[in-house]
Structures are given as structure tokens and as C-alpha cells.
């Protein structure tokens, strides 16, 4: 009887191996679908064709967030005023360029601000906005990971909050998928609004990088947070509208944008309450 156990287990082992082989085959098929089902116009562009580069960027970012403060613990805090000022000015310029391109191209192409399908053509306007400007917007989210690098180098760890990491880390995936599959259409609206808000946000950071003498000119930080939340409300309304109307734009993307924006709005409302409502009460008491 004992000698028969290995033989009895052979079919079970073979079944498990077949199941594993089938699972691996499904994973390979899914990965192939991810690669080949995107917009062929944007596939040749940097970081777009495969999810591997952005996944490596995201993983490196998390390692930097986790290990960076430990590496800086025994090192002197860096001021970085000149690099910060130049970086923020460059981001103001890039945000202004993207906002201009989103706005002007949508007007020239007679885009609908309620329902706009993706234009997969290679027309001049289609390529100008649907592909190139959306790619630059996606790439700007990669550049913005430097925000966290500067905070860690300056030992501003208290500002590297869950909201900060969640927002910066998730945006590269969100806009990678946008450029890969739907570079344009409804997506232009959120990119345009976000670029507009970032003109003021990075303008604020540029002034703040000049040092304490600028603090009295930065009284409008609270209103910048309000502007960011108004942006989220507008994007949520824009994406949810098309879930209840007939619009030839993928509902899956509208749903993903709507849920993601709700999560950001909840986190920003929490930040606003803790910073400007509860914080003000604590100062008064």
C-alpha cells in the first residue's frame, strides 16, 4: 500500500502543473493584449508601449520614499534654493504650454466639453493634441516625482504624506494608460484643468523657494488648495456626466477617473480641514 502513494499522487501533481501552465499562458496572453491593444500612434514614444518602464519608475519611487529619509538622517539638510526656483519655473512654463495646447487645439478642433470621443486619426490636430500634448502631460507626471526627491533632500519628511505619495505615484499609471489607450477625447479636459492649476501651484512653490522673506506674499496658499478641490469637482462632474448619457468614450475610463478623483477630493478635504479649520482653532485656543 505504501509503495502505491507516489503513483497515486502523480495525477494530482500533473493536474497542478497543467493548471500552472494554463495560468502562466493566460498571463502571457493578457500581457500581449496590454501591449498590442493600445493606440499605434503613441506606441513608439518613450515609456508608452510597455507597462514595465512605468512600473519600474513607480517601484523606484516607493523605494526612494521608504529609504530616502534613512539615507539623509546622518547628512546635512540641503537648501537647494536655486535648483528649486529653476525647477519650479520650468514646471510653470511646461504647465503653461500644455494648458495653451489643450485649450487652443480643443477650440480649433471644435471639441465638445460634454462628450468628446477619441480621435485616432493622424490628422494634424489629432496628433497635436490627442497624442503629443497628452504624452507631454504624462511625462510631466514623471518629472513631478522630483517634488518628493527635493522634500527628502531638504529633510521635509513631514510633507511626504500619504496624500503626496498616493497622488504622485498613481498619476504616472493613470496617464500612462490614458496615452496608451485613449490619448485625447474626454481625457483632454482633466489634463487641461490640471495644467491650469499647476501654473499657480508651481508659481507658489517658486516663490516659496526664495526663503522666509517671501512668506508674507504667500497668504494665498489656502485658496490654492480650494482651487485644486474645485478642479476635482469639475473633473468628477465631467466624467460622471458621460456615465448617464450616450457618449462614444469608454465608460471604463470615465468610471476609473470618477472614482480616482473622488479619492483625491476626500484626501484634499481632509488636508484642508486639518490644516485650515482644525489648525486655526488650535491656534486660537
C-alpha atoms as a PDB file:
ATOM      1  CA  UNK A   1       0.000   0.000   0.000  1.00  0.00           C
ATOM      2  CA  UNK A   2       2.789   2.465   0.927  1.00  0.00           C
ATOM      3  CA  UNK A   3       4.553   1.870  -2.393  1.00  0.00           C
ATOM      4  CA  UNK A   4       1.422   2.959  -4.244  1.00  0.00           C
ATOM      5  CA  UNK A   5       1.241   6.507  -2.723  1.00  0.00           C
ATOM      6  CA  UNK A   6       3.716   8.141  -5.143  1.00  0.00           C
ATOM      7  CA  UNK A   7       1.843   6.631  -8.075  1.00  0.00           C
ATOM      8  CA  UNK A   8      -1.464   7.852  -6.659  1.00  0.00           C
ATOM      9  CA  UNK A   9      -0.141  11.375  -6.327  1.00  0.00           C
ATOM     10  CA  UNK A  10       1.259  11.538  -9.854  1.00  0.00           C
ATOM     11  CA  UNK A  11      -2.070  12.519 -11.499  1.00  0.00           C
ATOM     12  CA  UNK A  12      -2.607  15.235  -8.853  1.00  0.00           C
ATOM     13  CA  UNK A  13       0.879  16.636  -9.469  1.00  0.00           C
ATOM     14  CA  UNK A  14       0.322  16.534 -13.221  1.00  0.00           C
ATOM     15  CA  UNK A  15      -3.009  18.356 -12.820  1.00  0.00           C
ATOM     16  CA  UNK A  16      -1.382  21.121 -10.753  1.00  0.00           C
ATOM     17  CA  UNK A  17       1.379  21.505 -13.315  1.00  0.00           C
ATOM     18  CA  UNK A  18      -1.210  21.797 -16.086  1.00  0.00           C
ATOM     19  CA  UNK A  19      -3.114  24.421 -14.083  1.00  0.00           C
ATOM     20  CA  UNK A  20       0.078  26.413 -13.505  1.00  0.00           C
ATOM     21  CA  UNK A  21       0.958  26.186 -17.192  1.00  0.00           C
ATOM     22  CA  UNK A  22      -2.541  27.351 -18.108  1.00  0.00           C
ATOM     23  CA  UNK A  23      -2.355  30.263 -15.665  1.00  0.00           C
ATOM     24  CA  UNK A  24       1.042  31.324 -17.000  1.00  0.00           C
ATOM     25  CA  UNK A  25      -0.295  31.122 -20.550  1.00  0.00           C
ATOM     26  CA  UNK A  26      -3.229  33.366 -19.596  1.00  0.00           C
ATOM     27  CA  UNK A  27      -0.847  35.883 -18.019  1.00  0.00           C
ATOM     28  CA  UNK A  28       1.252  35.917 -21.178  1.00  0.00           C
ATOM     29  CA  UNK A  29      -1.856  36.366 -23.332  1.00  0.00           C
ATOM     30  CA  UNK A  30      -3.057  39.228 -21.129  1.00  0.00           C
ATOM     31  CA  UNK A  31       0.332  40.933 -21.271  1.00  0.00           C
ATOM     32  CA  UNK A  32       0.355  40.563 -25.056  1.00  0.00           C
ATOM     33  CA  UNK A  33      -3.115  42.114 -25.172  1.00  0.00           C
ATOM     34  CA  UNK A  34      -1.918  45.024 -23.000  1.00  0.00           C
ATOM     35  CA  UNK A  35       0.954  45.643 -25.419  1.00  0.00           C
ATOM     36  CA  UNK A  36      -0.949  45.298 -28.665  1.00  0.00           C
ATOM     37  CA  UNK A  37      -4.357  46.843 -27.900  1.00  0.00           C
ATOM     38  CA  UNK A  38      -3.077  50.399 -27.463  1.00  0.00           C
ATOM     39  CA  UNK A  39      -3.084  53.331 -29.851  1.00  0.00           C
ATOM     40  CA  UNK A  40      -0.443  52.552 -32.530  1.00  0.00           C
ATOM     41  CA  UNK A  41       0.323  56.272 -32.890  1.00  0.00           C
ATOM     42  CA  UNK A  42       1.733  56.531 -29.370  1.00  0.00           C
ATOM     43  CA  UNK A  43       3.293  53.065 -29.038  1.00  0.00           C
ATOM     44  CA  UNK A  44       6.715  54.121 -30.442  1.00  0.00           C
ATOM     45  CA  UNK A  45       7.030  57.010 -27.978  1.00  0.00           C
ATOM     46  CA  UNK A  46       9.138  56.806 -24.791  1.00  0.00           C
ATOM     47  CA  UNK A  47       7.628  54.892 -21.828  1.00  0.00           C
ATOM     48  CA  UNK A  48       4.369  54.101 -23.652  1.00  0.00           C
ATOM     49  CA  UNK A  49       4.442  50.682 -25.356  1.00  0.00           C
ATOM     50  CA  UNK A  50       5.001  48.515 -22.279  1.00  0.00           C
ATOM     51  CA  UNK A  51       3.892  48.987 -18.646  1.00  0.00           C
ATOM     52  CA  UNK A  52       7.291  47.728 -17.455  1.00  0.00           C
ATOM     53  CA  UNK A  53       9.121  51.125 -17.541  1.00  0.00           C
ATOM     54  CA  UNK A  54       6.433  52.964 -15.533  1.00  0.00           C
ATOM     55  CA  UNK A  55       6.215  50.032 -13.118  1.00  0.00           C
ATOM     56  CA  UNK A  56       9.973  50.231 -12.545  1.00  0.00           C
ATOM     57  CA  UNK A  57       9.675  54.006 -12.060  1.00  0.00           C
ATOM     58  CA  UNK A  58       6.892  53.528  -9.550  1.00  0.00           C
ATOM     59  CA  UNK A  59       8.825  50.829  -7.666  1.00  0.00           C
ATOM     60  CA  UNK A  60      11.938  53.007  -7.573  1.00  0.00           C
ATOM     61  CA  UNK A  61       9.819  55.895  -6.316  1.00  0.00           C
ATOM     62  CA  UNK A  62       8.456  53.817  -3.430  1.00  0.00           C
ATOM     63  CA  UNK A  63      11.972  52.650  -2.521  1.00  0.00           C
ATOM     64  CA  UNK A  64      13.116  56.253  -2.528  1.00  0.00           C
ATOM     65  CA  UNK A  65      10.223  57.282  -0.261  1.00  0.00           C
ATOM     66  CA  UNK A  66      10.928  54.393   2.116  1.00  0.00           C
ATOM     67  CA  UNK A  67      14.732  54.559   2.214  1.00  0.00           C
ATOM     68  CA  UNK A  68      15.463  58.198   1.417  1.00  0.00           C
ATOM     69  CA  UNK A  69      14.871  59.597   4.925  1.00  0.00           C
ATOM     70  CA  UNK A  70      17.167  56.947   6.419  1.00  0.00           C
ATOM     71  CA  UNK A  71      19.928  57.855   3.959  1.00  0.00           C
ATOM     72  CA  UNK A  72      19.563  61.535   4.868  1.00  0.00           C
ATOM     73  CA  UNK A  73      19.446  61.001   8.626  1.00  0.00           C
ATOM     74  CA  UNK A  74      23.198  61.402   9.124  1.00  0.00           C
ATOM     75  CA  UNK A  75      23.594  64.004   6.387  1.00  0.00           C
ATOM     76  CA  UNK A  76      23.189  67.756   6.370  1.00  0.00           C
ATOM     77  CA  UNK A  77      19.899  69.161   5.126  1.00  0.00           C
ATOM     78  CA  UNK A  78      20.222  70.698   1.658  1.00  0.00           C
ATOM     79  CA  UNK A  79      18.762  74.139   0.953  1.00  0.00           C
ATOM     80  CA  UNK A  80      18.604  73.813  -2.857  1.00  0.00           C
ATOM     81  CA  UNK A  81      17.072  77.265  -3.277  1.00  0.00           C
ATOM     82  CA  UNK A  82      18.467  77.925  -6.755  1.00  0.00           C
ATOM     83  CA  UNK A  83      17.671  74.424  -8.158  1.00  0.00           C
ATOM     84  CA  UNK A  84      14.179  74.569  -6.618  1.00  0.00           C
ATOM     85  CA  UNK A  85      13.480  78.002  -8.058  1.00  0.00           C
ATOM     86  CA  UNK A  86      14.623  76.979 -11.547  1.00  0.00           C
ATOM     87  CA  UNK A  87      12.759  73.659 -11.367  1.00  0.00           C
ATOM     88  CA  UNK A  88       9.507  75.318 -10.342  1.00  0.00           C
ATOM     89  CA  UNK A  89       9.849  77.995 -13.014  1.00  0.00           C
ATOM     90  CA  UNK A  90      10.402  75.263 -15.600  1.00  0.00           C
ATOM     91  CA  UNK A  91       7.254  73.482 -14.381  1.00  0.00           C
ATOM     92  CA  UNK A  92       5.301  76.749 -14.655  1.00  0.00           C
ATOM     93  CA  UNK A  93       6.487  77.069 -18.258  1.00  0.00           C
ATOM     94  CA  UNK A  94       5.647  73.441 -19.085  1.00  0.00           C
ATOM     95  CA  UNK A  95       2.205  73.696 -17.452  1.00  0.00           C
ATOM     96  CA  UNK A  96       1.504  76.924 -19.362  1.00  0.00           C
ATOM     97  CA  UNK A  97       2.500  75.275 -22.640  1.00  0.00           C
ATOM     98  CA  UNK A  98       0.287  72.240 -22.016  1.00  0.00           C
ATOM     99  CA  UNK A  99      -2.697  74.358 -20.953  1.00  0.00           C
ATOM    100  CA  UNK A 100      -2.322  76.501 -24.066  1.00  0.00           C
ATOM    101  CA  UNK A 101      -2.112  73.461 -26.352  1.00  0.00           C
ATOM    102  CA  UNK A 102      -5.089  71.715 -24.721  1.00  0.00           C
ATOM    103  CA  UNK A 103      -7.222  74.840 -24.867  1.00  0.00           C
ATOM    104  CA  UNK A 104      -6.316  76.097 -28.351  1.00  0.00           C
ATOM    105  CA  UNK A 105      -6.374  72.711 -30.026  1.00  0.00           C
ATOM    106  CA  UNK A 106      -9.748  71.801 -28.483  1.00  0.00           C
ATOM    107  CA  UNK A 107     -11.191  75.080 -29.756  1.00  0.00           C
ATOM    108  CA  UNK A 108      -9.697  74.689 -33.252  1.00  0.00           C
ATOM    109  CA  UNK A 109     -10.953  71.095 -33.472  1.00  0.00           C
ATOM    110  CA  UNK A 110     -14.439  72.070 -32.200  1.00  0.00           C
ATOM    111  CA  UNK A 111     -14.207  69.695 -29.265  1.00  0.00           C
ATOM    112  CA  UNK A 112     -17.266  69.159 -27.123  1.00  0.00           C
ATOM    113  CA  UNK A 113     -16.742  69.885 -23.434  1.00  0.00           C
ATOM    114  CA  UNK A 114     -19.550  67.434 -22.595  1.00  0.00           C
ATOM    115  CA  UNK A 115     -18.867  64.435 -24.813  1.00  0.00           C
ATOM    116  CA  UNK A 116     -15.773  64.016 -26.941  1.00  0.00           C
ATOM    117  CA  UNK A 117     -14.791  60.625 -28.421  1.00  0.00           C
ATOM    118  CA  UNK A 118     -11.178  59.749 -29.097  1.00  0.00           C
ATOM    119  CA  UNK A 119      -9.869  60.833 -32.486  1.00  0.00           C
ATOM    120  CA  UNK A 120      -7.495  58.077 -33.566  1.00  0.00           C
ATOM    121  CA  UNK A 121      -6.693  59.727 -36.892  1.00  0.00           C
ATOM    122  CA  UNK A 122      -3.295  61.046 -37.879  1.00  0.00           C
ATOM    123  CA  UNK A 123      -4.618  64.492 -38.699  1.00  0.00           C
ATOM    124  CA  UNK A 124      -2.532  67.482 -37.685  1.00  0.00           C
ATOM    125  CA  UNK A 125      -4.904  68.466 -34.863  1.00  0.00           C
ATOM    126  CA  UNK A 126      -5.436  64.880 -33.817  1.00  0.00           C
ATOM    127  CA  UNK A 127      -1.730  64.238 -33.499  1.00  0.00           C
ATOM    128  CA  UNK A 128      -1.069  67.663 -31.982  1.00  0.00           C
ATOM    129  CA  UNK A 129      -3.393  67.204 -29.031  1.00  0.00           C
ATOM    130  CA  UNK A 130      -4.535  63.625 -28.822  1.00  0.00           C
ATOM    131  CA  UNK A 131      -1.064  62.246 -28.860  1.00  0.00           C
ATOM    132  CA  UNK A 132       1.712  64.774 -28.348  1.00  0.00           C
ATOM    133  CA  UNK A 133       0.240  67.032 -25.667  1.00  0.00           C
ATOM    134  CA  UNK A 134      -1.240  64.081 -23.762  1.00  0.00           C
ATOM    135  CA  UNK A 135       2.197  62.448 -23.847  1.00  0.00           C
ATOM    136  CA  UNK A 136       3.830  65.603 -22.523  1.00  0.00           C
ATOM    137  CA  UNK A 137       1.243  65.726 -19.758  1.00  0.00           C
ATOM    138  CA  UNK A 138       2.005  62.106 -18.870  1.00  0.00           C
ATOM    139  CA  UNK A 139       5.744  62.829 -18.955  1.00  0.00           C
ATOM    140  CA  UNK A 140       5.226  65.865 -16.697  1.00  0.00           C
ATOM    141  CA  UNK A 141       3.880  63.456 -14.066  1.00  0.00           C
ATOM    142  CA  UNK A 142       7.152  61.541 -14.284  1.00  0.00           C
ATOM    143  CA  UNK A 143       9.087  64.793 -13.835  1.00  0.00           C
ATOM    144  CA  UNK A 144       6.909  65.726 -10.851  1.00  0.00           C
ATOM    145  CA  UNK A 145       8.313  62.785  -8.903  1.00  0.00           C
ATOM    146  CA  UNK A 146      11.216  65.166  -8.288  1.00  0.00           C
ATOM    147  CA  UNK A 147       8.915  67.051  -5.900  1.00  0.00           C
ATOM    148  CA  UNK A 148       9.383  64.196  -3.450  1.00  0.00           C
ATOM    149  CA  UNK A 149      13.130  63.957  -4.089  1.00  0.00           C
ATOM    150  CA  UNK A 150      13.547  67.632  -3.168  1.00  0.00           C
ATOM    151  CA  UNK A 151      11.484  67.212   0.011  1.00  0.00           C
ATOM    152  CA  UNK A 152      13.616  64.288   1.162  1.00  0.00           C
ATOM    153  CA  UNK A 153      16.892  66.049   0.357  1.00  0.00           C
ATOM    154  CA  UNK A 154      15.684  69.071   2.341  1.00  0.00           C
ATOM    155  CA  UNK A 155      14.548  66.827   5.218  1.00  0.00           C
ATOM    156  CA  UNK A 156      10.929  67.927   4.865  1.00  0.00           C
ATOM    157  CA  UNK A 157       9.719  64.412   5.639  1.00  0.00           C
ATOM    158  CA  UNK A 158       6.549  65.685   7.333  1.00  0.00           C
ATOM    159  CA  UNK A 159       5.373  66.854   3.896  1.00  0.00           C
ATOM    160  CA  UNK A 160       5.838  63.430   2.322  1.00  0.00           C
ATOM    161  CA  UNK A 161       2.360  62.377   3.423  1.00  0.00           C
ATOM    162  CA  UNK A 162       0.166  59.555   2.180  1.00  0.00           C
ATOM    163  CA  UNK A 163      -1.706  62.117   0.052  1.00  0.00           C
ATOM    164  CA  UNK A 164       1.561  63.306  -1.511  1.00  0.00           C
ATOM    165  CA  UNK A 165       2.868  59.809  -2.318  1.00  0.00           C
ATOM    166  CA  UNK A 166      -0.520  58.466  -3.443  1.00  0.00           C
ATOM    167  CA  UNK A 167      -1.114  61.391  -5.772  1.00  0.00           C
ATOM    168  CA  UNK A 168       2.347  61.444  -7.347  1.00  0.00           C
ATOM    169  CA  UNK A 169       2.697  57.666  -7.633  1.00  0.00           C
ATOM    170  CA  UNK A 170      -0.752  56.966  -9.057  1.00  0.00           C
ATOM    171  CA  UNK A 171      -0.752  59.750 -11.657  1.00  0.00           C
ATOM    172  CA  UNK A 172       2.008  58.143 -13.717  1.00  0.00           C
ATOM    173  CA  UNK A 173      -0.080  54.966 -14.073  1.00  0.00           C
ATOM    174  CA  UNK A 174      -3.298  56.867 -14.763  1.00  0.00           C
ATOM    175  CA  UNK A 175      -1.805  58.913 -17.552  1.00  0.00           C
ATOM    176  CA  UNK A 176       0.270  56.069 -18.937  1.00  0.00           C
ATOM    177  CA  UNK A 177      -2.989  54.185 -19.542  1.00  0.00           C
ATOM    178  CA  UNK A 178      -4.552  57.355 -20.966  1.00  0.00           C
ATOM    179  CA  UNK A 179      -1.762  57.896 -23.500  1.00  0.00           C
ATOM    180  CA  UNK A 180      -1.571  54.194 -24.280  1.00  0.00           C
ATOM    181  CA  UNK A 181      -5.299  53.646 -24.964  1.00  0.00           C
ATOM    182  CA  UNK A 182      -7.281  56.901 -25.090  1.00  0.00           C
ATOM    183  CA  UNK A 183      -4.874  59.777 -25.902  1.00  0.00           C
ATOM    184  CA  UNK A 184      -7.447  62.522 -26.186  1.00  0.00           C
ATOM    185  CA  UNK A 185     -11.215  62.647 -26.260  1.00  0.00           C
ATOM    186  CA  UNK A 186     -12.651  63.228 -22.795  1.00  0.00           C
ATOM    187  CA  UNK A 187      -9.159  62.973 -21.305  1.00  0.00           C
ATOM    188  CA  UNK A 188      -8.177  66.401 -22.601  1.00  0.00           C
ATOM    189  CA  UNK A 189     -10.497  68.098 -20.086  1.00  0.00           C
ATOM    190  CA  UNK A 190      -8.773  66.800 -16.954  1.00  0.00           C
ATOM    191  CA  UNK A 191      -5.340  67.427 -18.461  1.00  0.00           C
ATOM    192  CA  UNK A 192      -6.273  70.994 -19.354  1.00  0.00           C
ATOM    193  CA  UNK A 193      -7.660  71.803 -15.903  1.00  0.00           C
ATOM    194  CA  UNK A 194      -4.744  70.193 -14.103  1.00  0.00           C
ATOM    195  CA  UNK A 195      -2.230  72.106 -16.230  1.00  0.00           C
ATOM    196  CA  UNK A 196      -4.035  75.359 -15.413  1.00  0.00           C
ATOM    197  CA  UNK A 197      -3.957  74.671 -11.665  1.00  0.00           C
ATOM    198  CA  UNK A 198      -0.291  73.689 -11.816  1.00  0.00           C
ATOM    199  CA  UNK A 199       0.657  77.071 -13.277  1.00  0.00           C
ATOM    200  CA  UNK A 200      -0.359  78.642  -9.958  1.00  0.00           C
ATOM    201  CA  UNK A 201       0.828  75.753  -7.813  1.00  0.00           C
ATOM    202  CA  UNK A 202       4.386  75.739  -9.169  1.00  0.00           C
ATOM    203  CA  UNK A 203       4.352  79.539  -9.178  1.00  0.00           C
ATOM    204  CA  UNK A 204       3.643  79.363  -5.459  1.00  0.00           C
ATOM    205  CA  UNK A 205       6.461  76.835  -4.944  1.00  0.00           C
ATOM    206  CA  UNK A 206       8.865  79.040  -6.934  1.00  0.00           C
ATOM    207  CA  UNK A 207       8.155  82.000  -4.638  1.00  0.00           C
ATOM    208  CA  UNK A 208       8.332  79.824  -1.513  1.00  0.00           C
ATOM    209  CA  UNK A 209      11.764  78.526  -2.563  1.00  0.00           C
ATOM    210  CA  UNK A 210      13.180  82.050  -2.263  1.00  0.00           C
ATOM    211  CA  UNK A 211      13.121  81.804   1.528  1.00  0.00           C
ATOM    212  CA  UNK A 212      11.394  83.256   4.602  1.00  0.00           C
ATOM    213  CA  UNK A 213      11.299  86.795   3.207  1.00  0.00           C
ATOM    214  CA  UNK A 214       8.619  85.681   0.748  1.00  0.00           C
ATOM    215  CA  UNK A 215       6.260  84.241   3.366  1.00  0.00           C
ATOM    216  CA  UNK A 216       4.208  87.428   3.703  1.00  0.00           C
ATOM    217  CA  UNK A 217       3.471  87.240  -0.026  1.00  0.00           C
ATOM    218  CA  UNK A 218       2.200  83.646   0.178  1.00  0.00           C
ATOM    219  CA  UNK A 219      -1.060  84.297   2.015  1.00  0.00           C
ATOM    220  CA  UNK A 220      -2.980  82.687  -0.844  1.00  0.00           C
ATOM    221  CA  UNK A 221      -1.882  79.100  -0.157  1.00  0.00           C
ATOM    222  CA  UNK A 222      -5.320  78.296   1.278  1.00  0.00           C
ATOM    223  CA  UNK A 223      -7.016  79.482  -1.906  1.00  0.00           C
ATOM    224  CA  UNK A 224      -4.665  77.350  -3.977  1.00  0.00           C
ATOM    225  CA  UNK A 225      -5.952  74.294  -2.096  1.00  0.00           C
ATOM    226  CA  UNK A 226      -9.532  75.436  -2.765  1.00  0.00           C
ATOM    227  CA  UNK A 227      -8.684  75.813  -6.473  1.00  0.00           C
ATOM    228  CA  UNK A 228      -7.335  72.256  -6.515  1.00  0.00           C
ATOM    229  CA  UNK A 229     -10.545  70.924  -4.956  1.00  0.00           C
ATOM    230  CA  UNK A 230     -12.698  72.893  -7.420  1.00  0.00           C
ATOM    231  CA  UNK A 231     -10.690  71.215 -10.169  1.00  0.00           C
ATOM    232  CA  UNK A 232     -11.546  67.782  -8.734  1.00  0.00           C
ATOM    233  CA  UNK A 233     -15.258  68.624  -8.518  1.00  0.00           C
ATOM    234  CA  UNK A 234     -15.265  69.781 -12.162  1.00  0.00           C
ATOM    235  CA  UNK A 235     -13.480  66.630 -13.367  1.00  0.00           C
ATOM    236  CA  UNK A 236     -15.774  64.380 -11.320  1.00  0.00           C
ATOM    237  CA  UNK A 237     -18.859  66.075 -12.781  1.00  0.00           C
ATOM    238  CA  UNK A 238     -17.403  65.889 -16.290  1.00  0.00           C
ATOM    239  CA  UNK A 239     -16.578  62.167 -16.107  1.00  0.00           C
ATOM    240  CA  UNK A 240     -19.793  61.147 -14.301  1.00  0.00           C
ATOM    241  CA  UNK A 241     -21.990  63.034 -16.782  1.00  0.00           C
ATOM    242  CA  UNK A 242     -21.000  60.652 -19.552  1.00  0.00           C
ATOM    243  CA  UNK A 243     -21.844  57.618 -17.454  1.00  0.00           C
ATOM    244  CA  UNK A 244     -25.515  58.603 -17.730  1.00  0.00           C
ATOM    245  CA  UNK A 245     -25.516  59.795 -21.339  1.00  0.00           C
ATOM    246  CA  UNK A 246     -24.734  58.225 -24.675  1.00  0.00           C
ATOM    247  CA  UNK A 247     -21.122  59.149 -25.391  1.00  0.00           C
ATOM    248  CA  UNK A 248     -18.715  57.096 -27.551  1.00  0.00           C
ATOM    249  CA  UNK A 249     -15.933  57.245 -24.976  1.00  0.00           C
ATOM    250  CA  UNK A 250     -15.097  54.114 -22.924  1.00  0.00           C
ATOM    251  CA  UNK A 251     -17.213  54.000 -19.768  1.00  0.00           C
ATOM    252  CA  UNK A 252     -14.445  52.088 -18.015  1.00  0.00           C
ATOM    253  CA  UNK A 253     -12.117  55.070 -18.238  1.00  0.00           C
ATOM    254  CA  UNK A 254     -14.793  57.534 -17.143  1.00  0.00           C
ATOM    255  CA  UNK A 255     -15.601  55.302 -14.160  1.00  0.00           C
ATOM    256  CA  UNK A 256     -11.917  54.962 -13.221  1.00  0.00           C
ATOM    257  CA  UNK A 257     -11.404  58.734 -13.441  1.00  0.00           C
ATOM    258  CA  UNK A 258     -14.537  59.413 -11.386  1.00  0.00           C
ATOM    259  CA  UNK A 259     -13.549  57.032  -8.571  1.00  0.00           C
ATOM    260  CA  UNK A 260      -9.943  58.226  -8.558  1.00  0.00           C
ATOM    261  CA  UNK A 261     -10.968  61.886  -8.401  1.00  0.00           C
ATOM    262  CA  UNK A 262     -13.328  61.129  -5.517  1.00  0.00           C
ATOM    263  CA  UNK A 263     -10.427  59.602  -3.596  1.00  0.00           C
ATOM    264  CA  UNK A 264      -8.298  62.705  -4.215  1.00  0.00           C
ATOM    265  CA  UNK A 265     -11.142  65.003  -3.236  1.00  0.00           C
ATOM    266  CA  UNK A 266     -11.655  63.123   0.038  1.00  0.00           C
ATOM    267  CA  UNK A 267      -7.924  63.315   0.855  1.00  0.00           C
ATOM    268  CA  UNK A 268      -7.713  67.014  -0.010  1.00  0.00           C
ATOM    269  CA  UNK A 269     -10.808  67.797   2.063  1.00  0.00           C
ATOM    270  CA  UNK A 270      -9.179  66.009   4.992  1.00  0.00           C
ATOM    271  CA  UNK A 271      -5.981  68.018   4.439  1.00  0.00           C
ATOM    272  CA  UNK A 272      -7.935  71.281   4.200  1.00  0.00           C
ATOM    273  CA  UNK A 273      -9.854  70.563   7.404  1.00  0.00           C
ATOM    274  CA  UNK A 274      -6.763  69.571   9.394  1.00  0.00           C
ATOM    275  CA  UNK A 275      -4.676  72.493   8.098  1.00  0.00           C
ATOM    276  CA  UNK A 276      -7.059  75.425   7.816  1.00  0.00           C
ATOM    277  CA  UNK A 277     -10.048  74.588  10.048  1.00  0.00           C
ATOM    278  CA  UNK A 278      -8.824  72.492  12.956  1.00  0.00           C
ATOM    279  CA  UNK A 279      -5.361  74.068  12.816  1.00  0.00           C
ATOM    280  CA  UNK A 280      -6.847  77.551  13.063  1.00  0.00           C
ATOM    281  CA  UNK A 281      -8.999  76.530  16.040  1.00  0.00           C
ATOM    282  CA  UNK A 282      -5.986  75.082  17.835  1.00  0.00           C
ATOM    283  CA  UNK A 283      -4.073  78.342  17.351  1.00  0.00           C
ATOM    284  CA  UNK A 284      -6.952  80.336  18.800  1.00  0.00           C
ATOM    285  CA  UNK A 285      -7.113  78.118  21.876  1.00  0.00           C
END
